[in-house]
Amino acid sequence: MQIGLISDTHGHIDDRILHHFSECDEIWHAGDIGDFKVTDALAQVAPLVAVYGNIDDHLMRRDFPENQWLDRGGCRVWMTHIGGRPGRYASGIRAGLQAHRPDIFICGHSHLLMVKKDPSWGGLYINPGAAGRQGFHRVRTMMRFELNDGSVLNPEVIELGTR
């Protein structure tokens, strides 16, 4: 199963994003969507799974949850927007990771791309960085990877250029 992973679009969507996700089986958005034009465009490319972020309004929060718990390709996945990072998880996240032990934990918010195995709970931490034009990041990023038999295969960082 090919997954496209994006976060922190802040209302920005462009043809390059859609092109890079054109072969994906699903697209996951880890919050700070910013505008329904983003989710509408992504959903035209592949089935969309998304969570709301801190900039998303009440309408976005009505349509997308704070957390998604998924079983895909033999992997248990937890996706939320504000998660922190290994060694500095946001409030309540470490307890959730310890209690549920997902294979993959995905978040956004920091605009910092990071993929790291975290031995403190035994899973893979993924933050795809930020694909939007707002924020302090210099390069817009997103990711693609495959899920198969409980493994993340062929992880790929896609750089979209400067913001």
Protein backbone atom coordinates (compact mmCIF):
# COMPACT_ATOMS: atom_id res chain seq x y z
CA MET A 1 0.00 0.00 0.00
CA GLN A 2 1.50 3.33 -1.10
CA ILE A 3 0.87 6.22 1.34
CA GLY A 4 1.31 9.93 0.67
CA LEU A 5 1.89 11.89 3.88
CA ILE A 6 1.53 15.64 4.18
CA SER A 7 1.09 18.20 6.94
CA ASP A 8 0.89 21.90 7.61
CA THR A 9 -0.42 23.00 4.22
CA HIS A 10 -2.03 26.08 5.81
CA GLY A 11 -4.45 26.36 2.88
CA HIS A 12 -1.85 25.79 0.16
CA ILE A 13 -2.21 23.12 -2.52
CA ASP A 14 -0.52 22.97 -5.91
CA ASP A 15 -0.12 20.67 -8.90
CA ARG A 16 3.27 19.41 -7.71
CA ILE A 17 1.74 18.03 -4.53
CA LEU A 18 -1.02 16.34 -6.47
CA HIS A 19 1.44 14.94 -9.03
CA HIS A 20 3.66 13.36 -6.36
CA PHE A 21 0.64 11.69 -4.76
CA SER A 22 -0.92 10.49 -8.03
CA GLU A 23 0.23 6.88 -7.53
CA CYS A 24 -0.76 6.66 -3.85
CA ASP A 25 -3.42 4.32 -2.51
CA GLU A 26 -4.21 6.75 0.32
CA ILE A 27 -3.18 10.25 1.33
CA TRP A 28 -2.79 11.14 5.00
CA HIS A 29 -2.86 14.76 6.19
CA ALA A 30 -1.46 15.35 9.69
CA GLY A 31 -3.26 18.64 10.36
CA ASP A 32 -3.15 22.39 9.87
CA ILE A 33 -5.05 21.87 6.64
CA GLY A 34 -6.19 25.49 6.46
CA ASP A 35 -8.84 25.27 3.74
CA PHE A 36 -11.24 22.68 2.37
CA LYS A 37 -9.79 23.28 -1.11
CA VAL A 38 -6.76 21.30 0.13
CA THR A 39 -8.73 18.27 1.29
CA ASP A 40 -11.04 18.43 -1.74
CA ALA A 41 -8.05 18.40 -4.13
CA LEU A 42 -6.26 15.61 -2.27
CA ALA A 43 -9.42 13.48 -2.14
CA GLN A 44 -9.70 13.74 -5.93
CA VAL A 45 -6.31 11.97 -6.18
CA ALA A 46 -6.77 9.18 -3.60
CA PRO A 47 -8.84 8.37 -0.51
CA LEU A 48 -7.97 10.89 2.22
CA VAL A 49 -7.45 10.35 5.95
CA ALA A 50 -6.88 13.57 7.91
CA VAL A 51 -6.79 15.10 11.37
CA TYR A 52 -7.40 18.73 12.23
CA GLY A 53 -4.63 21.00 13.48
CA ASN A 54 -4.50 24.01 15.74
CA ILE A 55 -5.16 26.52 12.91
CA ASP A 56 -8.18 24.62 11.58
CA ASP A 57 -11.58 26.16 12.31
CA HIS A 58 -14.74 24.61 13.77
CA LEU A 59 -15.94 23.46 10.33
CA MET A 60 -12.70 21.57 9.70
CA ARG A 61 -12.90 20.13 13.22
CA ARG A 62 -16.43 18.95 12.49
CA ASP A 63 -15.24 16.95 9.46
CA PHE A 64 -11.88 15.67 10.72
CA PRO A 65 -11.02 14.27 14.16
CA GLU A 66 -8.12 15.19 16.44
CA ASN A 67 -6.77 11.63 16.27
CA GLN A 68 -6.89 8.87 13.69
CA TRP A 69 -6.20 5.26 14.64
CA LEU A 70 -5.55 3.17 11.54
CA ASP A 71 -4.67 -0.40 10.64
CA ARG A 72 -2.96 -0.44 7.26
CA GLY A 73 -0.52 -2.87 5.66
CA GLY A 74 -0.14 -4.79 8.89
CA CYS A 75 0.74 -1.61 10.83
CA ARG A 76 -1.10 0.08 13.68
CA VAL A 77 -0.92 3.83 13.12
CA TRP A 78 -1.74 6.78 15.37
CA MET A 79 -1.93 10.17 13.66
CA THR A 80 -2.51 13.48 15.43
CA HIS A 81 -1.35 17.03 14.78
CA ILE A 82 0.46 18.19 17.92
CA GLY A 83 2.68 15.34 19.01
CA GLY A 84 6.08 16.77 19.80
CA ARG A 85 9.07 14.60 18.97
CA PRO A 86 11.09 11.78 20.52
CA GLY A 87 12.46 12.96 23.83
CA ARG A 88 10.07 15.94 23.86
CA TYR A 89 6.55 14.64 23.29
CA ALA A 90 3.55 16.93 23.82
CA SER A 91 1.41 16.52 26.93
CA GLY A 92 -0.36 13.15 27.02
CA ILE A 93 1.40 11.76 23.94
CA ARG A 94 4.00 9.63 25.74
CA ALA A 95 1.27 8.00 27.85
CA GLY A 96 -0.72 7.25 24.70
CA LEU A 97 2.32 5.76 22.98
CA GLN A 98 3.09 3.59 26.01
CA ALA A 99 -0.52 2.46 26.40
CA HIS A 100 -1.31 1.73 22.74
CA ARG A 101 2.15 1.00 21.29
CA PRO A 102 1.39 1.85 17.66
CA ASP A 103 3.86 0.69 15.05
CA ILE A 104 3.88 4.21 13.59
CA PHE A 105 3.18 7.56 15.25
CA ILE A 106 2.57 10.47 12.85
CA CYS A 107 2.26 14.13 13.68
CA GLY A 108 2.83 17.55 12.18
CA HIS A 109 2.82 20.99 13.82
CA SER A 110 6.58 21.56 14.25
CA HIS A 111 7.25 22.01 10.50
CA LEU A 112 10.36 19.88 11.13
CA LEU A 113 10.82 16.77 9.01
CA MET A 114 11.84 13.79 11.13
CA VAL A 115 11.69 10.02 10.76
CA LYS A 116 13.09 8.15 13.72
CA LYS A 117 12.71 4.85 15.49
CA ASP A 118 11.92 5.54 19.14
CA PRO A 119 12.94 2.74 21.51
CA SER A 120 11.03 4.37 24.39
CA TRP A 121 7.79 2.88 22.98
CA GLY A 122 9.14 0.68 20.18
CA GLY A 123 7.70 2.34 17.09
CA LEU A 124 8.52 4.66 14.24
CA TYR A 125 8.00 8.42 14.65
CA ILE A 126 7.21 10.33 11.44
CA ASN A 127 6.72 14.06 10.87
CA PRO A 128 6.64 14.96 7.16
CA GLY A 129 7.57 18.61 7.75
CA ALA A 130 5.44 21.33 6.19
CA ALA A 131 4.12 21.50 2.62
CA GLY A 132 2.60 24.96 2.95
CA ARG A 133 4.08 28.39 2.42
CA GLN A 134 3.50 29.73 5.96
CA GLY A 135 5.87 29.10 8.84
CA PHE A 136 9.55 29.20 9.63
CA HIS A 137 10.59 26.20 7.52
CA ARG A 138 12.78 26.99 4.52
CA VAL A 139 11.99 24.00 2.30
CA ARG A 140 8.49 22.60 1.80
CA THR A 141 8.43 18.83 2.35
CA MET A 142 6.10 15.84 2.31
CA MET A 143 6.63 12.07 2.16
CA ARG A 144 5.69 8.85 0.45
CA PHE A 145 6.21 5.30 1.73
CA GLU A 146 4.86 1.80 1.38
CA LEU A 147 3.22 -0.30 4.08
CA ASN A 148 3.53 -4.04 3.65
CA ASP A 149 3.44 -6.92 6.13
CA GLY A 150 3.91 -4.62 9.11
CA SER A 151 6.85 -2.72 7.66
CA VAL A 152 7.45 0.76 6.31
CA LEU A 153 9.26 0.33 2.99
CA ASN A 154 10.91 2.78 0.61
CA PRO A 155 10.38 5.97 2.63
CA GLU A 156 10.88 8.99 0.40
CA VAL A 157 11.14 12.66 1.30
CA ILE A 158 9.77 14.94 -1.40
CA GLU A 159 11.11 18.48 -1.44
CA LEU A 160 8.76 20.99 -3.03
CA GLY A 161 11.18 23.90 -3.08
CA THR A 162 11.45 26.95 -0.88
CA ARG A 163 8.36 28.37 0.69
